[in-house]
Amino acid sequence: GLVEHVEPVIMMAIGTQVAAETLEGELRTREELPRSRRELSEIVVYG
């Protein structure tokens, strides 16, 4: 029942993590993917 100018932005799933071994298929594949980020030199424009 939100008024028009109050906009949903993001949804969070919150709970207790389970071991990847208990998952199957694509869900397990995605769970086991390594993390990565841009290097600092790519995101820091000065300093």
All heavy atoms as atom14 arrays in JSON, in Angstrom:
{
  "sequence": "GLVEHVEPVIMMAIGTQVAAETLEGELRTREELPRSRRELSEIVVYG",
  "atom14_mask": [
    [1, 1, 1, 1, 0, 0, 0, 0, 0, 0, 0, 0, 0, 0],
    [1, 1, 1, 1, 1, 1, 1, 1, 0, 0, 0, 0, 0, 0],
    [1, 1, 1, 1, 1, 1, 1, 0, 0, 0, 0, 0, 0, 0],
    [1, 1, 1, 1, 1, 1, 1, 1, 1, 0, 0, 0, 0, 0],
    [1, 1, 1, 1, 1, 1, 1, 1, 1, 1, 0, 0, 0, 0],
    [1, 1, 1, 1, 1, 1, 1, 0, 0, 0, 0, 0, 0, 0],
    [1, 1, 1, 1, 1, 1, 1, 1, 1, 0, 0, 0, 0, 0],
    [1, 1, 1, 1, 1, 1, 1, 0, 0, 0, 0, 0, 0, 0],
    [1, 1, 1, 1, 1, 1, 1, 0, 0, 0, 0, 0, 0, 0],
    [1, 1, 1, 1, 1, 1, 1, 1, 0, 0, 0, 0, 0, 0],
    [1, 1, 1, 1, 1, 1, 1, 1, 0, 0, 0, 0, 0, 0],
    [1, 1, 1, 1, 1, 1, 1, 1, 0, 0, 0, 0, 0, 0],
    [1, 1, 1, 1, 1, 0, 0, 0, 0, 0, 0, 0, 0, 0],
    [1, 1, 1, 1, 1, 1, 1, 1, 0, 0, 0, 0, 0, 0],
    [1, 1, 1, 1, 0, 0, 0, 0, 0, 0, 0, 0, 0, 0],
    [1, 1, 1, 1, 1, 1, 1, 0, 0, 0, 0, 0, 0, 0],
    [1, 1, 1, 1, 1, 1, 1, 1, 1, 0, 0, 0, 0, 0],
    [1, 1, 1, 1, 1, 1, 1, 0, 0, 0, 0, 0, 0, 0],
    [1, 1, 1, 1, 1, 0, 0, 0, 0, 0, 0, 0, 0, 0],
    [1, 1, 1, 1, 1, 0, 0, 0, 0, 0, 0, 0, 0, 0],
    [1, 1, 1, 1, 1, 1, 1, 1, 1, 0, 0, 0, 0, 0],
    [1, 1, 1, 1, 1, 1, 1, 0, 0, 0, 0, 0, 0, 0],
    [1, 1, 1, 1, 1, 1, 1, 1, 0, 0, 0, 0, 0, 0],
    [1, 1, 1, 1, 1, 1, 1, 1, 1, 0, 0, 0, 0, 0],
    [1, 1, 1, 1, 0, 0, 0, 0, 0, 0, 0, 0, 0, 0],
    [1, 1, 1, 1, 1, 1, 1, 1, 1, 0, 0, 0, 0, 0],
    [1, 1, 1, 1, 1, 1, 1, 1, 0, 0, 0, 0, 0, 0],
    [1, 1, 1, 1, 1, 1, 1, 1, 1, 1, 1, 0, 0, 0],
    [1, 1, 1, 1, 1, 1, 1, 0, 0, 0, 0, 0, 0, 0],
    [1, 1, 1, 1, 1, 1, 1, 1, 1, 1, 1, 0, 0, 0],
    [1, 1, 1, 1, 1, 1, 1, 1, 1, 0, 0, 0, 0, 0],
    [1, 1, 1, 1, 1, 1, 1, 1, 1, 0, 0, 0, 0, 0],
    [1, 1, 1, 1, 1, 1, 1, 1, 0, 0, 0, 0, 0, 0],
    [1, 1, 1, 1, 1, 1, 1, 0, 0, 0, 0, 0, 0, 0],
    [1, 1, 1, 1, 1, 1, 1, 1, 1, 1, 1, 0, 0, 0],
    [1, 1, 1, 1, 1, 1, 0, 0, 0, 0, 0, 0, 0, 0],
    [1, 1, 1, 1, 1, 1, 1, 1, 1, 1, 1, 0, 0, 0],
    [1, 1, 1, 1, 1, 1, 1, 1, 1, 1, 1, 0, 0, 0],
    [1, 1, 1, 1, 1, 1, 1, 1, 1, 0, 0, 0, 0, 0],
    [1, 1, 1, 1, 1, 1, 1, 1, 0, 0, 0, 0, 0, 0],
    [1, 1, 1, 1, 1, 1, 0, 0, 0, 0, 0, 0, 0, 0],
    [1, 1, 1, 1, 1, 1, 1, 1, 1, 0, 0, 0, 0, 0],
    [1, 1, 1, 1, 1, 1, 1, 1, 0, 0, 0, 0, 0, 0],
    [1, 1, 1, 1, 1, 1, 1, 0, 0, 0, 0, 0, 0, 0],
    [1, 1, 1, 1, 1, 1, 1, 0, 0, 0, 0, 0, 0, 0],
    [1, 1, 1, 1, 1, 1, 1, 1, 1, 1, 1, 1, 0, 0],
    [1, 1, 1, 1, 0, 0, 0, 0, 0, 0, 0, 0, 0, 0]
  ],
  "atom14_positions": [
    [[0.8, -1.21, 0.0], [0.0, 0.0, 0.0], [0.84, 1.27, 0.0], [0.47, 2.26, 0.63], [0.0, 0.0, 0.0], [0.0, 0.0, 0.0], [0.0, 0.0, 0.0], [0.0, 0.0, 0.0], [0.0, 0.0, 0.0], [0.0, 0.0, 0.0], [0.0, 0.0, 0.0], [0.0, 0.0, 0.0], [0.0, 0.0, 0.0], [0.0, 0.0, 0.0]],
    [[1.96, 1.24, -0.72], [2.86, 2.39, -0.74], [2.29, 3.51, -1.59], [1.67, 3.27, -2.62], [4.23, 1.98, -1.3], [4.97, 0.86, -0.56], [6.28, 0.55, -1.27], [5.22, 1.26, 0.9], [0.0, 0.0, 0.0], [0.0, 0.0, 0.0], [0.0, 0.0, 0.0], [0.0, 0.0, 0.0], [0.0, 0.0, 0.0], [0.0, 0.0, 0.0]],
    [[2.54, 4.74, -1.16], [2.19, 5.88, -1.99], [3.14, 5.9, -3.18], [4.22, 5.31, -3.17], [2.27, 7.21, -1.21], [1.24, 7.22, -0.11], [3.67, 7.43, -0.64], [0.0, 0.0, 0.0], [0.0, 0.0, 0.0], [0.0, 0.0, 0.0], [0.0, 0.0, 0.0], [0.0, 0.0, 0.0], [0.0, 0.0, 0.0], [0.0, 0.0, 0.0]],
    [[2.75, 6.64, -4.24], [3.46, 6.56, -5.51], [4.93, 6.93, -5.43], [5.77, 6.36, -6.12], [2.76, 7.46, -6.54], [3.33, 7.33, -7.94], [2.54, 8.16, -8.94], [1.49, 8.71, -8.56], [2.98, 8.26, -10.1], [0.0, 0.0, 0.0], [0.0, 0.0, 0.0], [0.0, 0.0, 0.0], [0.0, 0.0, 0.0], [0.0, 0.0, 0.0]],
    [[5.26, 7.89, -4.57], [6.65, 8.36, -4.53], [7.55, 7.55, -3.59], [8.71, 7.88, -3.4], [6.72, 9.84, -4.17], [6.06, 10.2, -2.87], [6.68, 10.11, -1.66], [4.8, 10.65, -2.62], [5.86, 10.5, -0.7], [4.71, 10.84, -1.26], [0.0, 0.0, 0.0], [0.0, 0.0, 0.0], [0.0, 0.0, 0.0], [0.0, 0.0, 0.0]],
    [[7.01, 6.5, -2.97], [7.83, 5.58, -2.18], [8.04, 4.32, -3.02], [7.1, 3.57, -3.28], [7.18, 5.24, -0.83], [8.0, 4.18, -0.09], [7.04, 6.49, 0.02], [0.0, 0.0, 0.0], [0.0, 0.0, 0.0], [0.0, 0.0, 0.0], [0.0, 0.0, 0.0], [0.0, 0.0, 0.0], [0.0, 0.0, 0.0], [0.0, 0.0, 0.0]],
    [[9.27, 4.1, -3.47], [9.56, 3.06, -4.46], [10.39, 1.92, -3.85], [11.43, 2.17, -3.24], [10.34, 3.66, -5.63], [9.6, 4.76, -6.37], [10.41, 5.35, -7.5], [11.55, 4.85, -7.74], [9.94, 6.3, -8.14], [0.0, 0.0, 0.0], [0.0, 0.0, 0.0], [0.0, 0.0, 0.0], [0.0, 0.0, 0.0], [0.0, 0.0, 0.0]],
    [[9.95, 0.67, -4.03], [10.78, -0.47, -3.64], [12.04, -0.49, -4.51], [11.97, -0.37, -5.73], [9.89, -1.67, -3.93], [8.49, -1.13, -3.96], [8.63, 0.26, -4.52], [0.0, 0.0, 0.0], [0.0, 0.0, 0.0], [0.0, 0.0, 0.0], [0.0, 0.0, 0.0], [0.0, 0.0, 0.0], [0.0, 0.0, 0.0], [0.0, 0.0, 0.0]],
    [[13.19, -0.63, -3.86], [14.47, -0.56, -4.57], [15.16, -1.92, -4.64], [15.66, -2.33, -5.68], [15.41, 0.45, -3.89], [16.78, 0.46, -4.55], [14.79, 1.84, -3.91], [0.0, 0.0, 0.0], [0.0, 0.0, 0.0], [0.0, 0.0, 0.0], [0.0, 0.0, 0.0], [0.0, 0.0, 0.0], [0.0, 0.0, 0.0], [0.0, 0.0, 0.0]],
    [[15.21, -2.6, -3.52], [15.97, -3.86, -3.45], [15.26, -4.82, -2.51], [14.56, -4.4, -1.58], [17.41, -3.59, -2.96], [18.38, -4.66, -3.45], [17.47, -3.44, -1.46], [18.79, -4.49, -4.89], [0.0, 0.0, 0.0], [0.0, 0.0, 0.0], [0.0, 0.0, 0.0], [0.0, 0.0, 0.0], [0.0, 0.0, 0.0], [0.0, 0.0, 0.0]],
    [[15.42, -6.1, -2.76], [14.92, -7.13, -1.86], [16.09, -7.95, -1.37], [17.0, -8.26, -2.13], [13.89, -8.03, -2.55], [13.21, -9.02, -1.6], [11.98, -10.09, -2.42], [10.72, -8.89, -2.9], [0.0, 0.0, 0.0], [0.0, 0.0, 0.0], [0.0, 0.0, 0.0], [0.0, 0.0, 0.0], [0.0, 0.0, 0.0], [0.0, 0.0, 0.0]],
    [[16.09, -8.29, -0.08], [17.15, -9.11, 0.5], [16.57, -10.43, 0.99], [15.54, -10.45, 1.67], [17.77, -8.41, 1.71], [18.42, -7.08, 1.44], [19.12, -6.46, 3.0], [19.75, -4.88, 2.45], [0.0, 0.0, 0.0], [0.0, 0.0, 0.0], [0.0, 0.0, 0.0], [0.0, 0.0, 0.0], [0.0, 0.0, 0.0], [0.0, 0.0, 0.0]],
    [[17.26, -11.5, 0.64], [16.98, -12.8, 1.25], [17.91, -12.92, 2.45], [19.12, -12.73, 2.33], [17.23, -13.93, 0.27], [0.0, 0.0, 0.0], [0.0, 0.0, 0.0], [0.0, 0.0, 0.0], [0.0, 0.0, 0.0], [0.0, 0.0, 0.0], [0.0, 0.0, 0.0], [0.0, 0.0, 0.0], [0.0, 0.0, 0.0], [0.0, 0.0, 0.0]],
    [[17.35, -13.21, 3.62], [18.14, -13.27, 4.85], [17.84, -14.59, 5.56], [16.68, -14.98, 5.71], [17.78, -12.1, 5.79], [18.01, -10.76, 5.08], [18.59, -12.17, 7.09], [17.53, -9.55, 5.86], [0.0, 0.0, 0.0], [0.0, 0.0, 0.0], [0.0, 0.0, 0.0], [0.0, 0.0, 0.0], [0.0, 0.0, 0.0], [0.0, 0.0, 0.0]],
    [[18.9, -15.27, 5.99], [18.67, -16.52, 6.69], [19.96, -17.24, 7.03], [21.03, -16.63, 7.08], [0.0, 0.0, 0.0], [0.0, 0.0, 0.0], [0.0, 0.0, 0.0], [0.0, 0.0, 0.0], [0.0, 0.0, 0.0], [0.0, 0.0, 0.0], [0.0, 0.0, 0.0], [0.0, 0.0, 0.0], [0.0, 0.0, 0.0], [0.0, 0.0, 0.0]],
    [[19.85, -18.53, 7.24], [20.98, -19.36, 7.63], [21.52, -20.1, 6.41], [20.77, -20.79, 5.72], [20.55, -20.38, 8.71], [20.08, -19.66, 9.85], [21.7, -21.28, 9.11], [0.0, 0.0, 0.0], [0.0, 0.0, 0.0], [0.0, 0.0, 0.0], [0.0, 0.0, 0.0], [0.0, 0.0, 0.0], [0.0, 0.0, 0.0], [0.0, 0.0, 0.0]],
    [[22.8, -19.94, 6.17], [23.43, -20.57, 5.01], [23.55, -22.07, 5.21], [23.77, -22.56, 6.32], [24.82, -19.96, 4.81], [25.54, -20.46, 3.56], [26.94, -19.88, 3.47], [27.3, -18.98, 4.22], [27.73, -20.4, 2.55], [0.0, 0.0, 0.0], [0.0, 0.0, 0.0], [0.0, 0.0, 0.0], [0.0, 0.0, 0.0], [0.0, 0.0, 0.0]],
    [[23.41, -22.82, 4.12], [23.65, -24.26, 4.14], [24.89, -24.57, 3.31], [25.33, -23.75, 2.5], [22.45, -25.06, 3.62], [21.25, -24.89, 4.53], [22.1, -24.65, 2.19], [0.0, 0.0, 0.0], [0.0, 0.0, 0.0], [0.0, 0.0, 0.0], [0.0, 0.0, 0.0], [0.0, 0.0, 0.0], [0.0, 0.0, 0.0], [0.0, 0.0, 0.0]],
    [[25.43, -25.74, 3.5], [26.61, -26.16, 2.77], [26.28, -26.34, 1.29], [25.19, -26.79, 0.92], [27.15, -27.47, 3.33], [0.0, 0.0, 0.0], [0.0, 0.0, 0.0], [0.0, 0.0, 0.0], [0.0, 0.0, 0.0], [0.0, 0.0, 0.0], [0.0, 0.0, 0.0], [0.0, 0.0, 0.0], [0.0, 0.0, 0.0], [0.0, 0.0, 0.0]],
    [[27.22, -25.99, 0.43], [27.02, -26.12, -1.01], [26.73, -27.56, -1.41], [26.0, -27.82, -2.37], [28.25, -25.6, -1.76], [0.0, 0.0, 0.0], [0.0, 0.0, 0.0], [0.0, 0.0, 0.0], [0.0, 0.0, 0.0], [0.0, 0.0, 0.0], [0.0, 0.0, 0.0], [0.0, 0.0, 0.0], [0.0, 0.0, 0.0], [0.0, 0.0, 0.0]],
    [[27.29, -28.52, -0.64], [27.1, -29.94, -0.95], [25.65, -30.38, -0.84], [25.27, -31.43, -1.37], [27.97, -30.81, -0.03], [29.46, -30.71, -0.29], [30.1, -29.47, 0.32], [29.37, -28.68, 0.99], [31.31, -29.27, 0.11], [0.0, 0.0, 0.0], [0.0, 0.0, 0.0], [0.0, 0.0, 0.0], [0.0, 0.0, 0.0], [0.0, 0.0, 0.0]],
    [[24.82, -29.6, -0.15], [23.41, -29.96, 0.01], [22.56, -29.45, -1.15], [21.37, -29.75, -1.22], [22.85, -29.4, 1.33], [22.83, -27.96, 1.25], [23.71, -29.81, 2.52], [0.0, 0.0, 0.0], [0.0, 0.0, 0.0], [0.0, 0.0, 0.0], [0.0, 0.0, 0.0], [0.0, 0.0, 0.0], [0.0, 0.0, 0.0], [0.0, 0.0, 0.0]],
    [[23.17, -28.68, -2.06], [22.44, -28.08, -3.17], [22.64, -28.91, -4.43], [23.52, -29.75, -4.51], [22.93, -26.64, -3.39], [22.93, -25.74, -2.15], [23.56, -24.4, -2.47], [21.52, -25.57, -1.62], [0.0, 0.0, 0.0], [0.0, 0.0, 0.0], [0.0, 0.0, 0.0], [0.0, 0.0, 0.0], [0.0, 0.0, 0.0], [0.0, 0.0, 0.0]],
    [[21.82, -28.62, -5.43], [21.89, -29.38, -6.68], [21.87, -28.46, -7.88], [21.43, -27.3, -7.8], [20.7, -30.36, -6.77], [20.67, -31.42, -5.68], [19.47, -32.34, -5.81], [18.57, -32.03, -6.64], [19.43, -33.36, -5.11], [0.0, 0.0, 0.0], [0.0, 0.0, 0.0], [0.0, 0.0, 0.0], [0.0, 0.0, 0.0], [0.0, 0.0, 0.0]],
    [[22.36, -28.98, -9.01], [22.24, -28.31, -10.3], [22.87, -26.95, -10.35], [23.95, -26.71, -9.8], [0.0, 0.0, 0.0], [0.0, 0.0, 0.0], [0.0, 0.0, 0.0], [0.0, 0.0, 0.0], [0.0, 0.0, 0.0], [0.0, 0.0, 0.0], [0.0, 0.0, 0.0], [0.0, 0.0, 0.0], [0.0, 0.0, 0.0], [0.0, 0.0, 0.0]],
    [[22.18, -26.03, -11.03], [22.71, -24.69, -11.24], [22.91, -23.96, -9.93], [23.85, -23.16, -9.8], [21.77, -23.89, -12.15], [22.3, -22.51, -12.51], [21.37, -21.73, -13.4], [20.29, -22.25, -13.75], [21.72, -20.58, -13.75], [0.0, 0.0, 0.0], [0.0, 0.0, 0.0], [0.0, 0.0, 0.0], [0.0, 0.0, 0.0], [0.0, 0.0, 0.0]],
    [[22.07, -24.23, -8.96], [22.2, -23.56, -7.66], [23.54, -23.9, -7.03], [24.25, -23.01, -6.55], [21.05, -23.97, -6.74], [21.03, -23.33, -5.35], [21.04, -21.81, -5.45], [19.81, -23.81, -4.57], [0.0, 0.0, 0.0], [0.0, 0.0, 0.0], [0.0, 0.0, 0.0], [0.0, 0.0, 0.0], [0.0, 0.0, 0.0], [0.0, 0.0, 0.0]],
    [[23.92, -25.17, -7.06], [25.21, -25.55, -6.5], [26.36, -24.98, -7.34], [27.36, -24.51, -6.79], [25.34, -27.07, -6.42], [26.69, -27.51, -5.89], [26.74, -28.98, -5.56], [28.07, -29.37, -5.1], [28.38, -30.58, -4.67], [27.45, -31.54, -4.63], [29.61, -30.86, -4.27], [0.0, 0.0, 0.0], [0.0, 0.0, 0.0], [0.0, 0.0, 0.0]],
    [[26.2, -25.0, -8.65], [27.25, -24.46, -9.53], [27.53, -23.01, -9.2], [28.68, -22.59, -9.07], [26.84, -24.6, -11.0], [26.69, -25.99, -11.32], [27.9, -24.0, -11.91], [0.0, 0.0, 0.0], [0.0, 0.0, 0.0], [0.0, 0.0, 0.0], [0.0, 0.0, 0.0], [0.0, 0.0, 0.0], [0.0, 0.0, 0.0], [0.0, 0.0, 0.0]],
    [[26.46, -22.22, -9.08], [26.64, -20.79, -8.78], [27.22, -20.59, -7.39], [28.02, -19.68, -7.16], [25.31, -20.06, -8.91], [24.76, -20.02, -10.32], [23.73, -18.92, -10.44], [23.07, -18.92, -11.73], [22.29, -17.93, -12.16], [22.06, -16.88, -11.4], [21.72, -17.99, -13.34], [0.0, 0.0, 0.0], [0.0, 0.0, 0.0], [0.0, 0.0, 0.0]],
    [[26.82, -21.44, -6.44], [27.31, -21.31, -5.08], [28.82, -21.51, -5.01], [29.5, -20.88, -4.19], [26.6, -22.32, -4.17], [26.64, -22.0, -2.71], [25.65, -20.93, -2.29], [25.09, -20.25, -3.18], [25.43, -20.76, -1.09], [0.0, 0.0, 0.0], [0.0, 0.0, 0.0], [0.0, 0.0, 0.0], [0.0, 0.0, 0.0], [0.0, 0.0, 0.0]],
    [[29.34, -22.37, -5.86], [30.75, -22.73, -5.79], [31.64, -21.87, -6.68], [32.86, -22.03, -6.67], [30.92, -24.21, -6.15], [30.29, -25.15, -5.12], [30.39, -26.61, -5.5], [30.52, -26.9, -6.71], [30.35, -27.46, -4.6], [0.0, 0.0, 0.0], [0.0, 0.0, 0.0], [0.0, 0.0, 0.0], [0.0, 0.0, 0.0], [0.0, 0.0, 0.0]],
    [[31.06, -20.94, -7.42], [31.87, -20.06, -8.25], [32.76, -19.18, -7.38], [32.34, -18.71, -6.32], [30.97, -19.16, -9.11], [30.24, -19.83, -10.28], [29.3, -18.83, -10.94], [31.23, -20.36, -11.32], [0.0, 0.0, 0.0], [0.0, 0.0, 0.0], [0.0, 0.0, 0.0], [0.0, 0.0, 0.0], [0.0, 0.0, 0.0], [0.0, 0.0, 0.0]],
    [[34.0, -18.93, -7.82], [34.88, -18.04, -7.05], [34.4, -16.61, -7.11], [33.74, -16.19, -8.06], [36.24, -18.2, -7.74], [35.89, -18.62, -9.14], [34.65, -19.46, -9.02], [0.0, 0.0, 0.0], [0.0, 0.0, 0.0], [0.0, 0.0, 0.0], [0.0, 0.0, 0.0], [0.0, 0.0, 0.0], [0.0, 0.0, 0.0], [0.0, 0.0, 0.0]],
    [[34.72, -15.83, -6.08], [34.38, -14.42, -6.05], [35.4, -13.62, -6.86], [36.56, -14.01, -6.96], [34.36, -13.9, -4.62], [33.32, -14.55, -3.73], [33.4, -13.98, -2.33], [33.04, -12.56, -2.31], [33.26, -11.76, -1.28], [33.84, -12.22, -0.2], [32.89, -10.5, -1.33], [0.0, 0.0, 0.0], [0.0, 0.0, 0.0], [0.0, 0.0, 0.0]],
    [[34.95, -12.52, -7.4], [35.88, -11.64, -8.11], [35.41, -10.21, -8.0], [34.23, -9.95, -7.77], [35.99, -12.04, -9.59], [34.74, -11.87, -10.25], [0.0, 0.0, 0.0], [0.0, 0.0, 0.0], [0.0, 0.0, 0.0], [0.0, 0.0, 0.0], [0.0, 0.0, 0.0], [0.0, 0.0, 0.0], [0.0, 0.0, 0.0], [0.0, 0.0, 0.0]],
    [[36.33, -9.28, -8.15], [36.02, -7.85, -8.12], [36.97, -7.14, -9.08], [38.05, -7.63, -9.4], [36.22, -7.27, -6.71], [35.09, -7.54, -5.73], [33.82, -6.84, -6.13], [32.8, -6.89, -5.11], [31.94, -7.88, -4.94], [32.02, -8.94, -5.72], [31.03, -7.84, -4.0], [0.0, 0.0, 0.0], [0.0, 0.0, 0.0], [0.0, 0.0, 0.0]],
    [[36.57, -5.96, -9.53], [37.48, -5.12, -10.27], [38.68, -4.77, -9.4], [38.56, -4.67, -8.18], [36.79, -3.82, -10.71], [35.69, -4.0, -11.75], [35.09, -2.64, -12.09], [34.03, -2.75, -13.07], [34.21, -2.71, -14.39], [35.45, -2.56, -14.87], [33.2, -2.81, -15.23], [0.0, 0.0, 0.0], [0.0, 0.0, 0.0], [0.0, 0.0, 0.0]],
    [[39.82, -4.58, -10.02], [41.0, -4.15, -9.28], [40.8, -2.71, -8.8], [40.04, -1.94, -9.38], [42.24, -4.24, -10.17], [42.58, -5.65, -10.63], [42.96, -6.57, -9.48], [43.39, -6.05, -8.41], [42.84, -7.79, -9.63], [0.0, 0.0, 0.0], [0.0, 0.0, 0.0], [0.0, 0.0, 0.0], [0.0, 0.0, 0.0], [0.0, 0.0, 0.0]],
    [[41.49, -2.35, -7.72], [41.41, -0.99, -7.2], [41.74, 0.04, -8.28], [41.12, 1.1, -8.36], [42.36, -0.81, -6.02], [41.93, -1.42, -4.68], [43.02, -1.21, -3.64], [40.61, -0.83, -4.21], [0.0, 0.0, 0.0], [0.0, 0.0, 0.0], [0.0, 0.0, 0.0], [0.0, 0.0, 0.0], [0.0, 0.0, 0.0], [0.0, 0.0, 0.0]],
    [[42.72, -0.29, -9.12], [43.14, 0.64, -10.16], [42.04, 0.91, -11.19], [42.09, 1.91, -11.91], [44.38, 0.11, -10.87], [44.14, -1.17, -11.42], [0.0, 0.0, 0.0], [0.0, 0.0, 0.0], [0.0, 0.0, 0.0], [0.0, 0.0, 0.0], [0.0, 0.0, 0.0], [0.0, 0.0, 0.0], [0.0, 0.0, 0.0], [0.0, 0.0, 0.0]],
    [[41.03, 0.03, -11.24], [39.93, 0.22, -12.18], [38.82, 1.09, -11.59], [38.04, 1.68, -12.34], [39.35, -1.14, -12.59], [40.28, -2.04, -13.36], [39.59, -3.33, -13.76], [38.76, -3.28, -14.7], [39.86, -4.36, -13.13], [0.0, 0.0, 0.0], [0.0, 0.0, 0.0], [0.0, 0.0, 0.0], [0.0, 0.0, 0.0], [0.0, 0.0, 0.0]],
    [[38.73, 1.15, -10.27], [37.6, 1.87, -9.67], [38.02, 3.15, -8.94], [37.18, 4.0, -8.68], [36.82, 0.96, -8.69], [37.71, 0.52, -7.51], [36.24, -0.24, -9.42], [36.95, -0.25, -6.44], [0.0, 0.0, 0.0], [0.0, 0.0, 0.0], [0.0, 0.0, 0.0], [0.0, 0.0, 0.0], [0.0, 0.0, 0.0], [0.0, 0.0, 0.0]],
    [[39.3, 3.28, -8.61], [39.77, 4.49, -7.93], [40.31, 5.44, -8.98], [41.32, 5.16, -9.63], [40.86, 4.16, -6.9], [41.33, 5.44, -6.2], [40.34, 3.16, -5.87], [0.0, 0.0, 0.0], [0.0, 0.0, 0.0], [0.0, 0.0, 0.0], [0.0, 0.0, 0.0], [0.0, 0.0, 0.0], [0.0, 0.0, 0.0], [0.0, 0.0, 0.0]],
    [[39.63, 6.56, -9.15], [40.02, 7.5, -10.22], [41.09, 8.49, -9.75], [41.73, 9.15, -10.57], [38.79, 8.28, -10.75], [37.79, 7.31, -11.37], [38.13, 9.09, -9.64], [0.0, 0.0, 0.0], [0.0, 0.0, 0.0], [0.0, 0.0, 0.0], [0.0, 0.0, 0.0], [0.0, 0.0, 0.0], [0.0, 0.0, 0.0], [0.0, 0.0, 0.0]],
    [[41.31, 8.58, -8.44], [42.36, 9.46, -7.94], [42.72, 9.05, -6.52], [41.82, 8.71, -5.72], [41.9, 10.92, -7.93], [42.95, 11.87, -7.38], [43.97, 12.35, -8.19], [42.91, 12.26, -6.04], [44.96, 13.2, -7.67], [43.89, 13.1, -5.52], [44.9, 13.57, -6.34], [45.87, 14.39, -5.83], [0.0, 0.0, 0.0], [0.0, 0.0, 0.0]],
    [[43.99, 9.04, -6.19], [44.42, 8.87, -4.82], [44.98, 7.51, -4.45], [45.45, 7.32, -3.32], [0.0, 0.0, 0.0], [0.0, 0.0, 0.0], [0.0, 0.0, 0.0], [0.0, 0.0, 0.0], [0.0, 0.0, 0.0], [0.0, 0.0, 0.0], [0.0, 0.0, 0.0], [0.0, 0.0, 0.0], [0.0, 0.0, 0.0], [0.0, 0.0, 0.0]]
  ]
}
